[in-house]
């Protein structure tokens, strides 16, 4: 049995959105004087997305 996979967002679209998200997060926390944030990754499937986001952040982070 072959399952068909539908791609909703390209790799490039995801990369671009990660850049925007990281900039928004950095701006928010820098403007509020917060130097470190805790990122909570809830689902196992979101770990790669979370790791990619953390790499783009300039704000110091911890993960749980």
C-alpha atoms as a PDB file:
ATOM      1  CA  UNK A   1       0.000   0.000   0.000  1.00  0.00           C
ATOM      2  CA  UNK A   2       1.468   3.334  -1.084  1.00  0.00           C
ATOM      3  CA  UNK A   3       0.540   6.488   0.796  1.00  0.00           C
ATOM      4  CA  UNK A   4       0.549   9.821  -0.955  1.00  0.00           C
ATOM      5  CA  UNK A   5       2.374  12.659   0.806  1.00  0.00           C
ATOM      6  CA  UNK A   6       1.259  16.243   0.361  1.00  0.00           C
ATOM      7  CA  UNK A   7       3.876  18.935   0.946  1.00  0.00           C
ATOM      8  CA  UNK A   8       2.256  21.990   2.523  1.00  0.00           C
ATOM      9  CA  UNK A   9       5.354  24.172   2.910  1.00  0.00           C
ATOM     10  CA  UNK A  10       8.666  23.901   1.128  1.00  0.00           C
ATOM     11  CA  UNK A  11      11.937  23.656   3.017  1.00  0.00           C
ATOM     12  CA  UNK A  12      12.737  27.227   1.927  1.00  0.00           C
ATOM     13  CA  UNK A  13       9.392  28.555   3.214  1.00  0.00           C
ATOM     14  CA  UNK A  14       9.993  26.909   6.589  1.00  0.00           C
ATOM     15  CA  UNK A  15      13.541  28.306   6.756  1.00  0.00           C
ATOM     16  CA  UNK A  16      12.292  31.820   5.967  1.00  0.00           C
ATOM     17  CA  UNK A  17       9.556  31.604   8.599  1.00  0.00           C
ATOM     18  CA  UNK A  18      12.069  30.385  11.188  1.00  0.00           C
ATOM     19  CA  UNK A  19      14.210  33.459  10.451  1.00  0.00           C
ATOM     20  CA  UNK A  20      11.232  35.771  11.001  1.00  0.00           C
ATOM     21  CA  UNK A  21      10.167  33.965  14.183  1.00  0.00           C
ATOM     22  CA  UNK A  22      13.683  34.132  15.625  1.00  0.00           C
ATOM     23  CA  UNK A  23      13.901  37.862  14.897  1.00  0.00           C
ATOM     24  CA  UNK A  24      10.503  38.490  16.513  1.00  0.00           C
ATOM     25  CA  UNK A  25      11.436  36.462  19.613  1.00  0.00           C
ATOM     26  CA  UNK A  26      14.841  38.146  19.955  1.00  0.00           C
ATOM     27  CA  UNK A  27      13.327  41.614  19.559  1.00  0.00           C
ATOM     28  CA  UNK A  28      10.599  40.952  22.128  1.00  0.00           C
ATOM     29  CA  UNK A  29      12.928  39.609  24.812  1.00  0.00           C
ATOM     30  CA  UNK A  30      15.696  42.155  24.193  1.00  0.00           C
ATOM     31  CA  UNK A  31      13.168  45.009  24.443  1.00  0.00           C
ATOM     32  CA  UNK A  32      11.945  43.620  27.768  1.00  0.00           C
ATOM     33  CA  UNK A  33      15.418  43.150  29.273  1.00  0.00           C
ATOM     34  CA  UNK A  34      15.230  39.353  29.395  1.00  0.00           C
ATOM     35  CA  UNK A  35      18.625  37.790  28.741  1.00  0.00           C
ATOM     36  CA  UNK A  36      17.756  34.087  28.742  1.00  0.00           C
ATOM     37  CA  UNK A  37      14.669  32.108  27.775  1.00  0.00           C
ATOM     38  CA  UNK A  38      13.508  28.544  28.384  1.00  0.00           C
ATOM     39  CA  UNK A  39      12.143  26.757  25.334  1.00  0.00           C
ATOM     40  CA  UNK A  40       9.833  23.822  26.041  1.00  0.00           C
ATOM     41  CA  UNK A  41       9.537  21.248  23.262  1.00  0.00           C
ATOM     42  CA  UNK A  42       6.289  19.371  23.873  1.00  0.00           C
ATOM     43  CA  UNK A  43       6.044  16.818  21.067  1.00  0.00           C
ATOM     44  CA  UNK A  44       8.852  14.567  19.853  1.00  0.00           C
ATOM     45  CA  UNK A  45       8.038  15.512  16.263  1.00  0.00           C
ATOM     46  CA  UNK A  46       8.706  19.168  16.988  1.00  0.00           C
ATOM     47  CA  UNK A  47      12.264  18.598  18.214  1.00  0.00           C
ATOM     48  CA  UNK A  48      13.903  19.255  14.822  1.00  0.00           C
ATOM     49  CA  UNK A  49      11.849  22.436  14.327  1.00  0.00           C
ATOM     50  CA  UNK A  50      12.717  23.597  17.856  1.00  0.00           C
ATOM     51  CA  UNK A  51      16.419  22.893  17.312  1.00  0.00           C
ATOM     52  CA  UNK A  52      16.396  24.837  14.041  1.00  0.00           C
ATOM     53  CA  UNK A  53      14.673  27.768  15.766  1.00  0.00           C
ATOM     54  CA  UNK A  54      17.163  27.733  18.654  1.00  0.00           C
ATOM     55  CA  UNK A  55      20.085  27.879  16.204  1.00  0.00           C
ATOM     56  CA  UNK A  56      18.707  31.099  14.737  1.00  0.00           C
ATOM     57  CA  UNK A  57      18.028  32.831  18.061  1.00  0.00           C
ATOM     58  CA  UNK A  58      20.563  35.330  19.381  1.00  0.00           C
ATOM     59  CA  UNK A  59      18.964  35.305  22.841  1.00  0.00           C
ATOM     60  CA  UNK A  60      20.568  32.808  25.223  1.00  0.00           C
ATOM     61  CA  UNK A  61      18.338  29.725  25.497  1.00  0.00           C
ATOM     62  CA  UNK A  62      17.784  26.578  27.511  1.00  0.00           C
ATOM     63  CA  UNK A  63      15.594  23.694  26.397  1.00  0.00           C
ATOM     64  CA  UNK A  64      13.360  21.326  28.346  1.00  0.00           C
END
